[in-house]
Amino acid sequence: MKPLLELRGVHTHIGAYHILHGVDLAVPEGQVTVLLGRNGAGKTTTLRTIMGLWAVSQGALEFRGESIARRATPAIAAAGIAYVPESMGIFSDLSVKENIVLAARQARHEGELDRERLQWIFGLFPALQRFWLYPAGKLSGGQKQMLAVARAICEPRALILIDEPSKGLAPSIIQNLIGALRELKRQRTTILLVEQNFMMARALGDTVAVMDDGRIVHGGAMAELAADEALQQRLLGLSLGAHQ
């Protein structure tokens, strides 16, 4: 089966810096692919390159079999790809409601939101319903992350790119996020997840790709990597078993 998203030999330069050095990555449809690697390996740059925030300087970048390597970010989003950056990307001065309405391409005001989908989101993240009219900047860190994910899924998306959603969150909030992302996966939403929390990565991942120095150095089933401590040590310098 052809992957939903595929990078072949992708290079990315940021100014004078050569960050990605020929990335080969296939993201199967309907699965969670986890992108692992040490800090500075190129994981965030990969996500930003997919979204068109950094330009592909060489190589092929295809979504649903069509090149998106030269498309502008709004066109990539319109094709069905959503991005949850590490910074969350919410508007702190706006309410939760206003953040959701802005993220919905088909809605200009609350009345035009898909009510059934909105209730589904409230089921995933009940706090967002409680704080619907609350300024987003006054939410807790976990609630802000919930809002960031909710903005990405307020309309159906084929692919969601998520950059380190568990960073700085309490274990109970991480479990809530795992449950929400599992529900998205159950609905056949494809997810490319950058995550340093290995418990979360193992709980969600179907496939895994490990980056080092701007290249993919390992790819395969998450279950195989999780079961092989020697491989974990070689690729990541640590054992997943030590991060339960």
C-alpha atoms as a PDB file:
ATOM      1  CA  MET A   1       0.000   0.000   0.000  1.00  0.00           C
ATOM      2  CA  LYS A   2       1.325   3.431  -0.962  1.00  0.00           C
ATOM      3  CA  PRO A   3       1.940   5.591   2.134  1.00  0.00           C
ATOM      4  CA  LEU A   4      -0.245   8.621   2.787  1.00  0.00           C
ATOM      5  CA  LEU A   5       2.874  10.789   3.147  1.00  0.00           C
ATOM      6  CA  GLU A   6       6.297  10.053   1.718  1.00  0.00           C
ATOM      7  CA  LEU A   7       9.627  11.886   1.849  1.00  0.00           C
ATOM      8  CA  ARG A   8      12.380  10.696  -0.459  1.00  0.00           C
ATOM      9  CA  GLY A   9      15.844  12.179  -0.258  1.00  0.00           C
ATOM     10  CA  VAL A  10      14.583  15.424   1.311  1.00  0.00           C
ATOM     11  CA  HIS A  11      17.156  18.104   2.073  1.00  0.00           C
ATOM     12  CA  THR A  12      16.350  21.310   3.925  1.00  0.00           C
ATOM     13  CA  HIS A  13      18.576  24.357   4.323  1.00  0.00           C
ATOM     14  CA  ILE A  14      17.830  27.131   6.798  1.00  0.00           C
ATOM     15  CA  GLY A  15      19.979  30.044   5.777  1.00  0.00           C
ATOM     16  CA  ALA A  16      23.544  28.802   5.652  1.00  0.00           C
ATOM     17  CA  TYR A  17      22.716  25.676   7.679  1.00  0.00           C
ATOM     18  CA  HIS A  18      22.085  22.287   6.069  1.00  0.00           C
ATOM     19  CA  ILE A  19      19.625  20.639   8.494  1.00  0.00           C
ATOM     20  CA  LEU A  20      18.058  17.664   6.682  1.00  0.00           C
ATOM     21  CA  HIS A  21      20.454  15.460   4.721  1.00  0.00           C
ATOM     22  CA  GLY A  22      18.319  13.250   2.498  1.00  0.00           C
ATOM     23  CA  VAL A  23      15.395  12.190   4.708  1.00  0.00           C
ATOM     24  CA  ASP A  24      13.509   9.069   3.586  1.00  0.00           C
ATOM     25  CA  LEU A  25      10.262   8.618   5.508  1.00  0.00           C
ATOM     26  CA  ALA A  26       7.014   6.793   4.747  1.00  0.00           C
ATOM     27  CA  VAL A  27       3.904   7.438   6.878  1.00  0.00           C
ATOM     28  CA  PRO A  28       1.300   4.650   6.484  1.00  0.00           C
ATOM     29  CA  GLU A  29      -2.331   5.711   6.300  1.00  0.00           C
ATOM     30  CA  GLY A  30      -4.451   5.207   9.411  1.00  0.00           C
ATOM     31  CA  GLN A  31      -1.487   4.614  11.711  1.00  0.00           C
ATOM     32  CA  VAL A  32       0.612   6.518  14.232  1.00  0.00           C
ATOM     33  CA  THR A  33       4.197   6.968  13.098  1.00  0.00           C
ATOM     34  CA  VAL A  34       6.551   8.155  15.834  1.00  0.00           C
ATOM     35  CA  LEU A  35       9.654  10.170  14.974  1.00  0.00           C
ATOM     36  CA  LEU A  36      12.351   9.689  17.601  1.00  0.00           C
ATOM     37  CA  GLY A  37      15.855  11.051  17.976  1.00  0.00           C
ATOM     38  CA  ARG A  38      18.162  13.067  20.160  1.00  0.00           C
ATOM     39  CA  ASN A  39      17.739  16.845  20.490  1.00  0.00           C
ATOM     40  CA  GLY A  40      18.902  18.583  17.327  1.00  0.00           C
ATOM     41  CA  ALA A  41      18.492  15.495  15.131  1.00  0.00           C
ATOM     42  CA  GLY A  42      16.109  17.292  12.763  1.00  0.00           C
ATOM     43  CA  LYS A  43      12.680  16.093  13.929  1.00  0.00           C
ATOM     44  CA  THR A  44      11.000  19.498  14.212  1.00  0.00           C
ATOM     45  CA  THR A  45      12.606  20.636  10.964  1.00  0.00           C
ATOM     46  CA  THR A  46      11.073  17.583   9.282  1.00  0.00           C
ATOM     47  CA  LEU A  47       7.584  18.563  10.450  1.00  0.00           C
ATOM     48  CA  ARG A  48       8.085  22.186   9.437  1.00  0.00           C
ATOM     49  CA  THR A  49       9.361  21.099   6.035  1.00  0.00           C
ATOM     50  CA  ILE A  50       6.263  18.940   5.480  1.00  0.00           C
ATOM     51  CA  MET A  51       4.077  21.969   6.296  1.00  0.00           C
ATOM     52  CA  GLY A  52       5.997  24.211   3.912  1.00  0.00           C
ATOM     53  CA  LEU A  53       7.292  26.434   6.703  1.00  0.00           C
ATOM     54  CA  TRP A  54      10.807  25.542   5.535  1.00  0.00           C
ATOM     55  CA  ALA A  55      11.416  24.961   1.835  1.00  0.00           C
ATOM     56  CA  VAL A  56      12.539  21.625   0.422  1.00  0.00           C
ATOM     57  CA  SER A  57      15.893  22.319  -1.244  1.00  0.00           C
ATOM     58  CA  GLN A  58      16.162  18.850  -2.791  1.00  0.00           C
ATOM     59  CA  GLY A  59      14.139  15.635  -2.904  1.00  0.00           C
ATOM     60  CA  ALA A  60      10.503  14.545  -3.168  1.00  0.00           C
ATOM     61  CA  LEU A  61       7.705  15.265  -0.701  1.00  0.00           C
ATOM     62  CA  GLU A  62       4.383  13.648  -1.618  1.00  0.00           C
ATOM     63  CA  PHE A  63       0.972  13.573   0.060  1.00  0.00           C
ATOM     64  CA  ARG A  64      -1.612  11.190  -1.373  1.00  0.00           C
ATOM     65  CA  GLY A  65       0.744  10.590  -4.270  1.00  0.00           C
ATOM     66  CA  GLU A  66       0.968  14.274  -5.255  1.00  0.00           C
ATOM     67  CA  SER A  67       3.928  16.568  -4.715  1.00  0.00           C
ATOM     68  CA  ILE A  68       3.522  19.223  -2.045  1.00  0.00           C
ATOM     69  CA  ALA A  69       7.189  20.212  -2.037  1.00  0.00           C
ATOM     70  CA  ARG A  70       6.529  23.605  -3.625  1.00  0.00           C
ATOM     71  CA  ARG A  71       3.118  24.356  -2.155  1.00  0.00           C
ATOM     72  CA  ALA A  72       2.509  27.208   0.273  1.00  0.00           C
ATOM     73  CA  THR A  73       1.568  26.334   3.848  1.00  0.00           C
ATOM     74  CA  PRO A  74      -2.137  27.336   3.481  1.00  0.00           C
ATOM     75  CA  ALA A  75      -2.449  25.054   0.456  1.00  0.00           C
ATOM     76  CA  ILE A  76      -0.864  22.175   2.362  1.00  0.00           C
ATOM     77  CA  ALA A  77      -3.301  22.726   5.225  1.00  0.00           C
ATOM     78  CA  ALA A  78      -6.208  22.860   2.766  1.00  0.00           C
ATOM     79  CA  ALA A  79      -5.102  19.491   1.364  1.00  0.00           C
ATOM     80  CA  GLY A  80      -5.874  17.925   4.757  1.00  0.00           C
ATOM     81  CA  ILE A  81      -2.740  18.260   6.901  1.00  0.00           C
ATOM     82  CA  ALA A  82      -2.840  19.893  10.350  1.00  0.00           C
ATOM     83  CA  TYR A  83       0.157  20.868  12.474  1.00  0.00           C
ATOM     84  CA  VAL A  84       0.398  21.137  16.256  1.00  0.00           C
ATOM     85  CA  PRO A  85       3.768  22.818  16.935  1.00  0.00           C
ATOM     86  CA  GLU A  86       5.732  22.411  20.135  1.00  0.00           C
ATOM     87  CA  SER A  87       4.810  26.027  20.948  1.00  0.00           C
ATOM     88  CA  MET A  88       1.122  24.941  20.653  1.00  0.00           C
ATOM     89  CA  GLY A  89       0.277  27.873  18.354  1.00  0.00           C
ATOM     90  CA  ILE A  90      -2.802  29.084  20.241  1.00  0.00           C
ATOM     91  CA  PHE A  91      -3.922  32.714  20.495  1.00  0.00           C
ATOM     92  CA  SER A  92      -3.582  33.622  24.171  1.00  0.00           C
ATOM     93  CA  ASP A  93      -5.742  36.761  24.069  1.00  0.00           C
ATOM     94  CA  LEU A  94      -8.653  34.976  22.416  1.00  0.00           C
ATOM     95  CA  SER A  95     -11.150  32.675  24.100  1.00  0.00           C
ATOM     96  CA  VAL A  96     -11.185  28.926  23.642  1.00  0.00           C
ATOM     97  CA  LYS A  97     -14.215  29.354  21.389  1.00  0.00           C
ATOM     98  CA  GLU A  98     -12.500  31.973  19.244  1.00  0.00           C
ATOM     99  CA  ASN A  99      -9.408  29.777  18.882  1.00  0.00           C
ATOM    100  CA  ILE A 100     -11.557  26.899  17.616  1.00  0.00           C
ATOM    101  CA  VAL A 101     -13.540  29.085  15.207  1.00  0.00           C
ATOM    102  CA  LEU A 102     -10.330  30.515  13.735  1.00  0.00           C
ATOM    103  CA  ALA A 103      -8.991  26.999  13.130  1.00  0.00           C
ATOM    104  CA  ALA A 104     -12.154  25.853  11.352  1.00  0.00           C
ATOM    105  CA  ARG A 105     -11.816  26.686   7.668  1.00  0.00           C
ATOM    106  CA  GLN A 106     -15.532  26.176   7.040  1.00  0.00           C
ATOM    107  CA  ALA A 107     -16.804  28.349   9.920  1.00  0.00           C
ATOM    108  CA  ARG A 108     -16.824  32.112  10.347  1.00  0.00           C
ATOM    109  CA  HIS A 109     -18.592  32.034  13.732  1.00  0.00           C
ATOM    110  CA  GLU A 110     -19.631  29.544  16.406  1.00  0.00           C
ATOM    111  CA  GLY A 111     -22.971  28.820  14.776  1.00  0.00           C
ATOM    112  CA  GLU A 112     -21.243  27.406  11.709  1.00  0.00           C
ATOM    113  CA  LEU A 113     -19.143  24.889  13.640  1.00  0.00           C
ATOM    114  CA  ASP A 114     -19.985  21.223  13.186  1.00  0.00           C
ATOM    115  CA  ARG A 115     -21.930  20.680  16.418  1.00  0.00           C
ATOM    116  CA  GLU A 116     -21.585  16.902  16.377  1.00  0.00           C
ATOM    117  CA  ARG A 117     -17.833  17.132  15.942  1.00  0.00           C
ATOM    118  CA  LEU A 118     -17.618  19.828  18.624  1.00  0.00           C
ATOM    119  CA  GLN A 119     -19.419  17.580  21.100  1.00  0.00           C
ATOM    120  CA  TRP A 120     -17.008  14.774  20.187  1.00  0.00           C
ATOM    121  CA  ILE A 121     -14.075  17.102  20.967  1.00  0.00           C
ATOM    122  CA  PHE A 122     -15.678  18.033  24.290  1.00  0.00           C
ATOM    123  CA  GLY A 123     -15.889  14.316  25.024  1.00  0.00           C
ATOM    124  CA  LEU A 124     -12.142  14.027  24.439  1.00  0.00           C
ATOM    125  CA  PHE A 125     -11.285  17.226  26.316  1.00  0.00           C
ATOM    126  CA  PRO A 126     -14.073  18.141  28.800  1.00  0.00           C
ATOM    127  CA  ALA A 127     -12.056  21.093  30.153  1.00  0.00           C
ATOM    128  CA  LEU A 128     -12.491  22.929  26.845  1.00  0.00           C
ATOM    129  CA  GLN A 129     -16.258  22.938  27.276  1.00  0.00           C
ATOM    130  CA  ARG A 130     -15.937  24.219  30.851  1.00  0.00           C
ATOM    131  CA  PHE A 131     -13.615  27.033  29.746  1.00  0.00           C
ATOM    132  CA  TRP A 132     -15.284  27.720  26.370  1.00  0.00           C
ATOM    133  CA  LEU A 133     -15.432  31.490  26.933  1.00  0.00           C
ATOM    134  CA  TYR A 134     -12.212  31.684  28.957  1.00  0.00           C
ATOM    135  CA  PRO A 135      -9.085  33.422  27.581  1.00  0.00           C
ATOM    136  CA  ALA A 136      -6.788  30.713  26.241  1.00  0.00           C
ATOM    137  CA  GLY A 137      -3.756  32.372  27.816  1.00  0.00           C
ATOM    138  CA  LYS A 138      -5.163  31.673  31.286  1.00  0.00           C
ATOM    139  CA  LEU A 139      -5.518  27.927  30.765  1.00  0.00           C
ATOM    140  CA  SER A 140      -3.129  25.508  32.417  1.00  0.00           C
ATOM    141  CA  GLY A 141      -0.334  23.982  30.356  1.00  0.00           C
ATOM    142  CA  GLY A 142      -2.262  20.762  29.881  1.00  0.00           C
ATOM    143  CA  GLN A 143      -5.430  22.610  28.899  1.00  0.00           C
ATOM    144  CA  LYS A 144      -3.486  24.668  26.353  1.00  0.00           C
ATOM    145  CA  GLN A 145      -2.148  21.466  24.817  1.00  0.00           C
ATOM    146  CA  MET A 146      -5.684  20.085  24.653  1.00  0.00           C
ATOM    147  CA  LEU A 147      -6.786  23.266  22.870  1.00  0.00           C
ATOM    148  CA  ALA A 148      -3.879  23.011  20.430  1.00  0.00           C
ATOM    149  CA  VAL A 149      -4.892  19.457  19.494  1.00  0.00           C
ATOM    150  CA  ALA A 150      -8.581  20.435  19.367  1.00  0.00           C
ATOM    151  CA  ARG A 151      -7.754  23.206  16.888  1.00  0.00           C
ATOM    152  CA  ALA A 152      -6.071  20.617  14.657  1.00  0.00           C
ATOM    153  CA  ILE A 153      -9.064  18.261  14.711  1.00  0.00           C
ATOM    154  CA  CYS A 154     -12.008  20.705  14.756  1.00  0.00           C
ATOM    155  CA  GLU A 155     -12.561  19.608  11.162  1.00  0.00           C
ATOM    156  CA  PRO A 156     -11.616  16.202   9.727  1.00  0.00           C
ATOM    157  CA  ARG A 157      -7.964  16.043   8.707  1.00  0.00           C
ATOM    158  CA  ALA A 158      -6.254  13.210   6.868  1.00  0.00           C
ATOM    159  CA  LEU A 159      -2.911  13.751   8.610  1.00  0.00           C
ATOM    160  CA  ILE A 160      -1.923  15.472  11.843  1.00  0.00           C
ATOM    161  CA  LEU A 161       1.666  16.419  12.647  1.00  0.00           C
ATOM    162  CA  ILE A 162       2.219  16.792  16.404  1.00  0.00           C
ATOM    163  CA  ASP A 163       5.465  18.025  17.952  1.00  0.00           C
ATOM    164  CA  GLU A 164       6.171  16.848  21.530  1.00  0.00           C
ATOM    165  CA  PRO A 165       2.641  17.197  22.955  1.00  0.00           C
ATOM    166  CA  SER A 166       3.587  15.739  26.362  1.00  0.00           C
ATOM    167  CA  LYS A 167       6.418  18.192  27.077  1.00  0.00           C
ATOM    168  CA  GLY A 168       6.075  19.629  30.585  1.00  0.00           C
ATOM    169  CA  LEU A 169       2.737  17.937  31.289  1.00  0.00           C
ATOM    170  CA  ALA A 170       1.705  15.951  34.349  1.00  0.00           C
ATOM    171  CA  PRO A 171       1.325  12.164  33.919  1.00  0.00           C
ATOM    172  CA  SER A 172      -2.471  12.334  34.294  1.00  0.00           C
ATOM    173  CA  ILE A 173      -2.718  14.864  31.456  1.00  0.00           C
ATOM    174  CA  ILE A 174      -0.414  12.725  29.296  1.00  0.00           C
ATOM    175  CA  GLN A 175      -2.754   9.776  29.809  1.00  0.00           C
ATOM    176  CA  ASN A 176      -5.663  11.961  28.716  1.00  0.00           C
ATOM    177  CA  LEU A 177      -3.783  12.919  25.550  1.00  0.00           C
ATOM    178  CA  ILE A 178      -2.933   9.288  24.830  1.00  0.00           C
ATOM    179  CA  GLY A 179      -6.625   8.437  25.071  1.00  0.00           C
ATOM    180  CA  ALA A 180      -7.570  11.268  22.712  1.00  0.00           C
ATOM    181  CA  LEU A 181      -4.937  10.329  20.138  1.00  0.00           C
ATOM    182  CA  ARG A 182      -5.999   6.680  20.318  1.00  0.00           C
ATOM    183  CA  GLU A 183      -9.540   7.775  19.517  1.00  0.00           C
ATOM    184  CA  LEU A 184      -8.268   9.726  16.503  1.00  0.00           C
ATOM    185  CA  LYS A 185      -6.358   6.641  15.390  1.00  0.00           C
ATOM    186  CA  ARG A 186      -9.489   4.519  15.820  1.00  0.00           C
ATOM    187  CA  GLN A 187     -11.189   6.872  13.374  1.00  0.00           C
ATOM    188  CA  ARG A 188      -8.382   6.253  10.856  1.00  0.00           C
ATOM    189  CA  THR A 189      -6.740   9.654  11.259  1.00  0.00           C
ATOM    190  CA  THR A 190      -3.060   9.342  10.369  1.00  0.00           C
ATOM    191  CA  ILE A 191      -0.638  10.867  12.885  1.00  0.00           C
ATOM    192  CA  LEU A 192       3.058  11.712  12.629  1.00  0.00           C
ATOM    193  CA  LEU A 193       4.197  12.246  16.206  1.00  0.00           C
ATOM    194  CA  VAL A 194       7.472  13.688  17.480  1.00  0.00           C
ATOM    195  CA  GLU A 195       7.717  12.630  21.111  1.00  0.00           C
ATOM    196  CA  GLN A 196      10.436  12.346  23.750  1.00  0.00           C
ATOM    197  CA  ASN A 197       8.170  10.638  26.293  1.00  0.00           C
ATOM    198  CA  PHE A 198       8.900   7.004  25.440  1.00  0.00           C
ATOM    199  CA  MET A 199       5.968   5.638  27.417  1.00  0.00           C
ATOM    200  CA  MET A 200       3.664   7.742  25.239  1.00  0.00           C
ATOM    201  CA  ALA A 201       5.575   6.870  22.066  1.00  0.00           C
ATOM    202  CA  ARG A 202       5.307   3.142  22.760  1.00  0.00           C
ATOM    203  CA  ALA A 203       1.649   3.373  23.776  1.00  0.00           C
ATOM    204  CA  LEU A 204       0.641   5.084  20.527  1.00  0.00           C
ATOM    205  CA  GLY A 205       3.163   4.124  17.878  1.00  0.00           C
ATOM    206  CA  ASP A 206       2.530   1.570  15.161  1.00  0.00           C
ATOM    207  CA  THR A 207       5.693   2.406  13.255  1.00  0.00           C
ATOM    208  CA  VAL A 208       8.787   4.321  14.288  1.00  0.00           C
ATOM    209  CA  ALA A 209      11.544   6.221  12.519  1.00  0.00           C
ATOM    210  CA  VAL A 210      14.700   7.285  14.329  1.00  0.00           C
ATOM    211  CA  MET A 211      16.582  10.392  13.211  1.00  0.00           C
ATOM    212  CA  ASP A 212      20.210  11.305  13.719  1.00  0.00           C
ATOM    213  CA  ASP A 213      22.072  14.247  12.191  1.00  0.00           C
ATOM    214  CA  GLY A 214      19.317  15.074   9.724  1.00  0.00           C
ATOM    215  CA  ARG A 215      18.819  11.513   8.428  1.00  0.00           C
ATOM    216  CA  ILE A 216      16.546   8.572   9.155  1.00  0.00           C
ATOM    217  CA  VAL A 217      18.820   5.881  10.568  1.00  0.00           C
ATOM    218  CA  HIS A 218      16.195   3.295  11.517  1.00  0.00           C
ATOM    219  CA  GLY A 219      12.624   2.490  10.572  1.00  0.00           C
ATOM    220  CA  GLY A 220      10.270  -0.318  11.484  1.00  0.00           C
ATOM    221  CA  ALA A 221       7.590  -1.460  13.890  1.00  0.00           C
ATOM    222  CA  MET A 222       7.424   0.315  17.250  1.00  0.00           C
ATOM    223  CA  ALA A 223       6.880  -3.035  18.982  1.00  0.00           C
ATOM    224  CA  GLU A 224      10.198  -4.323  17.645  1.00  0.00           C
ATOM    225  CA  LEU A 225      12.142  -1.277  18.869  1.00  0.00           C
ATOM    226  CA  ALA A 226      10.375  -1.377  22.253  1.00  0.00           C
ATOM    227  CA  ALA A 227      11.398  -5.013  22.702  1.00  0.00           C
ATOM    228  CA  ASP A 228      15.081  -4.558  21.759  1.00  0.00           C
ATOM    229  CA  GLU A 229      17.021  -2.707  24.467  1.00  0.00           C
ATOM    230  CA  ALA A 230      20.327  -3.111  22.655  1.00  0.00           C
ATOM    231  CA  LEU A 231      18.873  -1.393  19.587  1.00  0.00           C
ATOM    232  CA  GLN A 232      17.460   1.381  21.785  1.00  0.00           C
ATOM    233  CA  GLN A 233      20.860   1.979  23.318  1.00  0.00           C
ATOM    234  CA  ARG A 234      22.548   2.040  19.932  1.00  0.00           C
ATOM    235  CA  LEU A 235      20.052   4.391  18.280  1.00  0.00           C
ATOM    236  CA  LEU A 236      19.010   6.619  21.171  1.00  0.00           C
ATOM    237  CA  GLY A 237      21.594   6.125  23.879  1.00  0.00           C
ATOM    238  CA  LEU A 238      19.001   4.988  26.399  1.00  0.00           C
ATOM    239  CA  SER A 239      16.565   2.240  27.211  1.00  0.00           C
ATOM    240  CA  LEU A 240      12.824   2.705  26.754  1.00  0.00           C
ATOM    241  CA  GLY A 241      12.354   0.467  29.778  1.00  0.00           C
ATOM    242  CA  ALA A 242      13.906   3.153  31.957  1.00  0.00           C
ATOM    243  CA  HIS A 243      11.152   5.608  30.970  1.00  0.00           C
ATOM    244  CA  GLN A 244       7.992   3.869  32.091  1.00  0.00           C
END
